[in-house]
Amino acid sequence: MEHARRGGRAIIRKALQQLEAAGFVEPLGNRGRVLTKEGRRLLESVSIEIKEKLEKKHVELKKY
């Protein structure tokens, strides 16, 4: 089982900057960032792909 680890702010900031440059997140004033339509679309397609692969390996997950 994996344990939670503290992440460096610089790493998180760099990842968010890259996601913003790619058009997947956008700034929300001084309140942080939110997903764009493209970001939501990407997350949805990736989650569907992961779910399908997991269902092939673990048939009991199909009911979800």
PDB file of N, CA and C in Angstrom:
ATOM      1  N   MET A   1       0.843  -1.175   0.000  1.00  0.00           N
ATOM      2  CA  MET A   1       0.000   0.000   0.000  1.00  0.00           C
ATOM      3  C   MET A   1       0.891   1.243   0.000  1.00  0.00           C
ATOM      4  N   GLU A   2       0.526   2.216  -0.801  1.00  0.00           N
ATOM      5  CA  GLU A   2       1.312   3.436  -0.871  1.00  0.00           C
ATOM      6  C   GLU A   2       0.888   4.413   0.216  1.00  0.00           C
ATOM      7  N   HIS A   3       1.832   5.220   0.626  1.00  0.00           N
ATOM      8  CA  HIS A   3       1.563   6.223   1.643  1.00  0.00           C
ATOM      9  C   HIS A   3       1.625   7.606   1.019  1.00  0.00           C
ATOM     10  N   ALA A   4       0.862   8.518   1.572  1.00  0.00           N
ATOM     11  CA  ALA A   4       0.868   9.892   1.070  1.00  0.00           C
ATOM     12  C   ALA A   4       2.217  10.531   1.367  1.00  0.00           C
ATOM     13  N   ARG A   5       2.666  11.329   0.464  1.00  0.00           N
ATOM     14  CA  ARG A   5       3.936  12.036   0.630  1.00  0.00           C
ATOM     15  C   ARG A   5       3.696  13.523   0.390  1.00  0.00           C
ATOM     16  N   ARG A   6       4.471  14.322   1.057  1.00  0.00           N
ATOM     17  CA  ARG A   6       4.397  15.760   0.800  1.00  0.00           C
ATOM     18  C   ARG A   6       5.107  16.048  -0.504  1.00  0.00           C
ATOM     19  N   GLY A   7       4.509  16.876  -1.314  1.00  0.00           N
ATOM     20  CA  GLY A   7       5.122  17.245  -2.586  1.00  0.00           C
ATOM     21  C   GLY A   7       5.691  18.650  -2.512  1.00  0.00           C
ATOM     22  N   GLY A   8       6.784  18.847  -3.198  1.00  0.00           N
ATOM     23  CA  GLY A   8       7.369  20.171  -3.232  1.00  0.00           C
ATOM     24  C   GLY A   8       6.488  21.123  -4.033  1.00  0.00           C
ATOM     25  N   ARG A   9       6.362  22.342  -3.575  1.00  0.00           N
ATOM     26  CA  ARG A   9       5.512  23.314  -4.267  1.00  0.00           C
ATOM     27  C   ARG A   9       6.030  23.619  -5.669  1.00  0.00           C
ATOM     28  N   ALA A  10       7.338  23.594  -5.833  1.00  0.00           N
ATOM     29  CA  ALA A  10       7.915  23.909  -7.143  1.00  0.00           C
ATOM     30  C   ALA A  10       7.473  22.883  -8.185  1.00  0.00           C
ATOM     31  N   ILE A  11       7.416  21.618  -7.793  1.00  0.00           N
ATOM     32  CA  ILE A  11       7.015  20.560  -8.722  1.00  0.00           C
ATOM     33  C   ILE A  11       5.551  20.732  -9.108  1.00  0.00           C
ATOM     34  N   ILE A  12       4.715  20.993  -8.130  1.00  0.00           N
ATOM     35  CA  ILE A  12       3.285  21.180  -8.386  1.00  0.00           C
ATOM     36  C   ILE A  12       3.057  22.414  -9.251  1.00  0.00           C
ATOM     37  N   ARG A  13       3.762  23.499  -8.932  1.00  0.00           N
ATOM     38  CA  ARG A  13       3.627  24.726  -9.702  1.00  0.00           C
ATOM     39  C   ARG A  13       4.040  24.500 -11.159  1.00  0.00           C
ATOM     40  N   LYS A  14       5.147  23.778 -11.377  1.00  0.00           N
ATOM     41  CA  LYS A  14       5.638  23.499 -12.733  1.00  0.00           C
ATOM     42  C   LYS A  14       4.611  22.651 -13.499  1.00  0.00           C
ATOM     43  N   ALA A  15       4.036  21.646 -12.842  1.00  0.00           N
ATOM     44  CA  ALA A  15       3.035  20.804 -13.496  1.00  0.00           C
ATOM     45  C   ALA A  15       1.818  21.626 -13.896  1.00  0.00           C
ATOM     46  N   LEU A  16       1.356  22.501 -13.007  1.00  0.00           N
ATOM     47  CA  LEU A  16       0.202  23.346 -13.319  1.00  0.00           C
ATOM     48  C   LEU A  16       0.509  24.326 -14.447  1.00  0.00           C
ATOM     49  N   GLN A  17       1.731  24.849 -14.474  1.00  0.00           N
ATOM     50  CA  GLN A  17       2.122  25.745 -15.561  1.00  0.00           C
ATOM     51  C   GLN A  17       2.108  25.007 -16.900  1.00  0.00           C
ATOM     52  N   GLN A  18       2.576  23.765 -16.905  1.00  0.00           N
ATOM     53  CA  GLN A  18       2.570  22.972 -18.136  1.00  0.00           C
ATOM     54  C   GLN A  18       1.149  22.650 -18.571  1.00  0.00           C
ATOM     55  N   LEU A  19       0.281  22.311 -17.623  1.00  0.00           N
ATOM     56  CA  LEU A  19      -1.115  22.050 -17.953  1.00  0.00           C
ATOM     57  C   LEU A  19      -1.794  23.302 -18.493  1.00  0.00           C
ATOM     58  N   GLU A  20      -1.436  24.452 -17.933  1.00  0.00           N
ATOM     59  CA  GLU A  20      -1.998  25.714 -18.414  1.00  0.00           C
ATOM     60  C   GLU A  20      -1.502  26.021 -19.830  1.00  0.00           C
ATOM     61  N   ALA A  21      -0.219  25.808 -20.076  1.00  0.00           N
ATOM     62  CA  ALA A  21       0.343  26.055 -21.411  1.00  0.00           C
ATOM     63  C   ALA A  21      -0.285  25.137 -22.449  1.00  0.00           C
ATOM     64  N   ALA A  22      -0.660  23.925 -22.036  1.00  0.00           N
ATOM     65  CA  ALA A  22      -1.283  22.969 -22.946  1.00  0.00           C
ATOM     66  C   ALA A  22      -2.771  23.240 -23.135  1.00  0.00           C
ATOM     67  N   GLY A  23      -3.327  24.147 -22.320  1.00  0.00           N
ATOM     68  CA  GLY A  23      -4.733  24.504 -22.465  1.00  0.00           C
ATOM     69  C   GLY A  23      -5.691  23.635 -21.671  1.00  0.00           C
ATOM     70  N   PHE A  24      -5.176  22.879 -20.688  1.00  0.00           N
ATOM     71  CA  PHE A  24      -6.036  21.993 -19.904  1.00  0.00           C
ATOM     72  C   PHE A  24      -6.544  22.633 -18.619  1.00  0.00           C
ATOM     73  N   VAL A  25      -5.871  23.671 -18.147  1.00  0.00           N
ATOM     74  CA  VAL A  25      -6.346  24.430 -16.985  1.00  0.00           C
ATOM     75  C   VAL A  25      -6.212  25.913 -17.303  1.00  0.00           C
ATOM     76  N   GLU A  26      -6.983  26.718 -16.574  1.00  0.00           N
ATOM     77  CA  GLU A  26      -6.890  28.168 -16.753  1.00  0.00           C
ATOM     78  C   GLU A  26      -6.974  28.824 -15.381  1.00  0.00           C
ATOM     79  N   PRO A  27      -6.336  29.984 -15.234  1.00  0.00           N
ATOM     80  CA  PRO A  27      -6.364  30.670 -13.939  1.00  0.00           C
ATOM     81  C   PRO A  27      -7.767  31.173 -13.604  1.00  0.00           C
ATOM     82  N   LEU A  28      -8.063  31.186 -12.323  1.00  0.00           N
ATOM     83  CA  LEU A  28      -9.347  31.675 -11.825  1.00  0.00           C
ATOM     84  C   LEU A  28      -9.071  32.843 -10.879  1.00  0.00           C
ATOM     85  N   GLY A  29      -8.557  33.912 -11.443  1.00  0.00           N
ATOM     86  CA  GLY A  29      -8.201  35.078 -10.628  1.00  0.00           C
ATOM     87  C   GLY A  29      -7.143  34.702  -9.600  1.00  0.00           C
ATOM     88  N   ASN A  30      -7.378  35.122  -8.370  1.00  0.00           N
ATOM     89  CA  ASN A  30      -6.455  34.786  -7.276  1.00  0.00           C
ATOM     90  C   ASN A  30      -6.887  33.537  -6.530  1.00  0.00           C
ATOM     91  N   ARG A  31      -7.812  32.785  -7.100  1.00  0.00           N
ATOM     92  CA  ARG A  31      -8.385  31.624  -6.398  1.00  0.00           C
ATOM     93  C   ARG A  31      -7.816  30.309  -6.880  1.00  0.00           C
ATOM     94  N   GLY A  32      -6.879  30.318  -7.789  1.00  0.00           N
ATOM     95  CA  GLY A  32      -6.290  29.077  -8.268  1.00  0.00           C
ATOM     96  C   GLY A  32      -6.553  28.859  -9.740  1.00  0.00           C
ATOM     97  N   ARG A  33      -6.693  27.591 -10.112  1.00  0.00           N
ATOM     98  CA  ARG A  33      -6.921  27.236 -11.511  1.00  0.00           C
ATOM     99  C   ARG A  33      -8.080  26.256 -11.610  1.00  0.00           C
ATOM    100  N   VAL A  34      -8.732  26.239 -12.770  1.00  0.00           N
ATOM    101  CA  VAL A  34      -9.829  25.306 -13.024  1.00  0.00           C
ATOM    102  C   VAL A  34      -9.586  24.607 -14.349  1.00  0.00           C
ATOM    103  N   LEU A  35     -10.211  23.452 -14.509  1.00  0.00           N
ATOM    104  CA  LEU A  35     -10.108  22.714 -15.768  1.00  0.00           C
ATOM    105  C   LEU A  35     -10.865  23.432 -16.873  1.00  0.00           C
ATOM    106  N   THR A  36     -10.302  23.395 -18.063  1.00  0.00           N
ATOM    107  CA  THR A  36     -11.002  23.907 -19.236  1.00  0.00           C
ATOM    108  C   THR A  36     -11.853  22.781 -19.813  1.00  0.00           C
ATOM    109  N   LYS A  37     -12.634  23.083 -20.839  1.00  0.00           N
ATOM    110  CA  LYS A  37     -13.413  22.031 -21.508  1.00  0.00           C
ATOM    111  C   LYS A  37     -12.494  20.953 -22.055  1.00  0.00           C
ATOM    112  N   GLU A  38     -11.350  21.375 -22.612  1.00  0.00           N
ATOM    113  CA  GLU A  38     -10.395  20.405 -23.147  1.00  0.00           C
ATOM    114  C   GLU A  38      -9.824  19.534 -22.035  1.00  0.00           C
ATOM    115  N   GLY A  39      -9.566  20.142 -20.873  1.00  0.00           N
ATOM    116  CA  GLY A  39      -9.055  19.393 -19.727  1.00  0.00           C
ATOM    117  C   GLY A  39     -10.052  18.364 -19.236  1.00  0.00           C
ATOM    118  N   ARG A  40     -11.320  18.763 -19.160  1.00  0.00           N
ATOM    119  CA  ARG A  40     -12.367  17.818 -18.742  1.00  0.00           C
ATOM    120  C   ARG A  40     -12.512  16.686 -19.743  1.00  0.00           C
ATOM    121  N   ARG A  41     -12.445  17.033 -21.030  1.00  0.00           N
ATOM    122  CA  ARG A  41     -12.559  16.026 -22.082  1.00  0.00           C
ATOM    123  C   ARG A  41     -11.416  15.012 -21.979  1.00  0.00           C
ATOM    124  N   LEU A  42     -10.197  15.507 -21.745  1.00  0.00           N
ATOM    125  CA  LEU A  42      -9.037  14.622 -21.601  1.00  0.00           C
ATOM    126  C   LEU A  42      -9.209  13.695 -20.399  1.00  0.00           C
ATOM    127  N   LEU A  43      -9.583  14.261 -19.246  1.00  0.00           N
ATOM    128  CA  LEU A  43      -9.778  13.437 -18.052  1.00  0.00           C
ATOM    129  C   LEU A  43     -10.855  12.381 -18.265  1.00  0.00           C
ATOM    130  N   GLU A  44     -11.931  12.764 -18.923  1.00  0.00           N
ATOM    131  CA  GLU A  44     -13.024  11.820 -19.179  1.00  0.00           C
ATOM    132  C   GLU A  44     -12.549  10.675 -20.072  1.00  0.00           C
ATOM    133  N   SER A  45     -11.830  10.994 -21.143  1.00  0.00           N
ATOM    134  CA  SER A  45     -11.387   9.938 -22.061  1.00  0.00           C
ATOM    135  C   SER A  45     -10.360   9.025 -21.402  1.00  0.00           C
ATOM    136  N   VAL A  46      -9.475   9.592 -20.607  1.00  0.00           N
ATOM    137  CA  VAL A  46      -8.471   8.768 -19.914  1.00  0.00           C
ATOM    138  C   VAL A  46      -9.144   7.873 -18.871  1.00  0.00           C
ATOM    139  N   SER A  47     -10.108   8.416 -18.137  1.00  0.00           N
ATOM    140  CA  SER A  47     -10.781   7.611 -17.122  1.00  0.00           C
ATOM    141  C   SER A  47     -11.580   6.469 -17.749  1.00  0.00           C
ATOM    142  N   ILE A  48     -12.202   6.718 -18.894  1.00  0.00           N
ATOM    143  CA  ILE A  48     -12.932   5.655 -19.588  1.00  0.00           C
ATOM    144  C   ILE A  48     -11.971   4.568 -20.046  1.00  0.00           C
ATOM    145  N   GLU A  49     -10.827   4.971 -20.587  1.00  0.00           N
ATOM    146  CA  GLU A  49      -9.827   4.018 -21.049  1.00  0.00           C
ATOM    147  C   GLU A  49      -9.312   3.154 -19.891  1.00  0.00           C
ATOM    148  N   ILE A  50      -9.035   3.786 -18.754  1.00  0.00           N
ATOM    149  CA  ILE A  50      -8.562   3.042 -17.582  1.00  0.00           C
ATOM    150  C   ILE A  50      -9.631   2.084 -17.093  1.00  0.00           C
ATOM    151  N   LYS A  51     -10.880   2.564 -17.035  1.00  0.00           N
ATOM    152  CA  LYS A  51     -11.989   1.715 -16.568  1.00  0.00           C
ATOM    153  C   LYS A  51     -12.150   0.491 -17.461  1.00  0.00           C
ATOM    154  N   GLU A  52     -12.081   0.677 -18.769  1.00  0.00           N
ATOM    155  CA  GLU A  52     -12.228  -0.450 -19.692  1.00  0.00           C
ATOM    156  C   GLU A  52     -11.112  -1.470 -19.501  1.00  0.00           C
ATOM    157  N   LYS A  53      -9.895  -0.996 -19.302  1.00  0.00           N
ATOM    158  CA  LYS A  53      -8.771  -1.915 -19.090  1.00  0.00           C
ATOM    159  C   LYS A  53      -8.921  -2.670 -17.773  1.00  0.00           C
ATOM    160  N   LEU A  54      -9.373  -1.974 -16.743  1.00  0.00           N
ATOM    161  CA  LEU A  54      -9.573  -2.629 -15.455  1.00  0.00           C
ATOM    162  C   LEU A  54     -10.695  -3.662 -15.520  1.00  0.00           C
ATOM    163  N   GLU A  55     -11.761  -3.342 -16.269  1.00  0.00           N
ATOM    164  CA  GLU A  55     -12.881  -4.278 -16.393  1.00  0.00           C
ATOM    165  C   GLU A  55     -12.467  -5.555 -17.102  1.00  0.00           C
ATOM    166  N   LYS A  56     -11.521  -5.468 -18.035  1.00  0.00           N
ATOM    167  CA  LYS A  56     -11.036  -6.676 -18.698  1.00  0.00           C
ATOM    168  C   LYS A  56     -10.278  -7.563 -17.721  1.00  0.00           C
ATOM    169  N   LYS A  57      -9.556  -6.928 -16.804  1.00  0.00           N
ATOM    170  CA  LYS A  57      -8.745  -7.660 -15.843  1.00  0.00           C
ATOM    171  C   LYS A  57      -9.578  -8.143 -14.654  1.00  0.00           C
ATOM    172  N   HIS A  58     -10.542  -7.330 -14.233  1.00  0.00           N
ATOM    173  CA  HIS A  58     -11.382  -7.627 -13.075  1.00  0.00           C
ATOM    174  C   HIS A  58     -12.854  -7.493 -13.498  1.00  0.00           C
ATOM    175  N   VAL A  59     -13.431  -8.578 -13.964  1.00  0.00           N
ATOM    176  CA  VAL A  59     -14.781  -8.576 -14.516  1.00  0.00           C
ATOM    177  C   VAL A  59     -15.815  -8.041 -13.525  1.00  0.00           C
ATOM    178  N   GLU A  60     -15.605  -8.256 -12.241  1.00  0.00           N
ATOM    179  CA  GLU A  60     -16.574  -7.826 -11.234  1.00  0.00           C
ATOM    180  C   GLU A  60     -16.755  -6.299 -11.199  1.00  0.00           C
ATOM    181  N   LEU A  61     -15.854  -5.544 -11.796  1.00  0.00           N
ATOM    182  CA  LEU A  61     -15.962  -4.080 -11.822  1.00  0.00           C
ATOM    183  C   LEU A  61     -16.969  -3.585 -12.839  1.00  0.00           C
ATOM    184  N   LYS A  62     -17.414  -4.442 -13.755  1.00  0.00           N
ATOM    185  CA  LYS A  62     -18.349  -4.011 -14.803  1.00  0.00           C
ATOM    186  C   LYS A  62     -19.668  -3.499 -14.242  1.00  0.00           C
ATOM    187  N   LYS A  63     -20.047  -3.943 -13.039  1.00  0.00           N
ATOM    188  CA  LYS A  63     -21.324  -3.507 -12.482  1.00  0.00           C
ATOM    189  C   LYS A  63     -21.292  -2.043 -12.036  1.00  0.00           C
ATOM    190  N   TYR A  64     -20.133  -1.448 -12.010  1.00  0.00           N
ATOM    191  CA  TYR A  64     -20.018  -0.042 -11.611  1.00  0.00           C
ATOM    192  C   TYR A  64     -19.974   0.789 -12.836  1.00  0.00           C
TER     193      TYR A  64
END
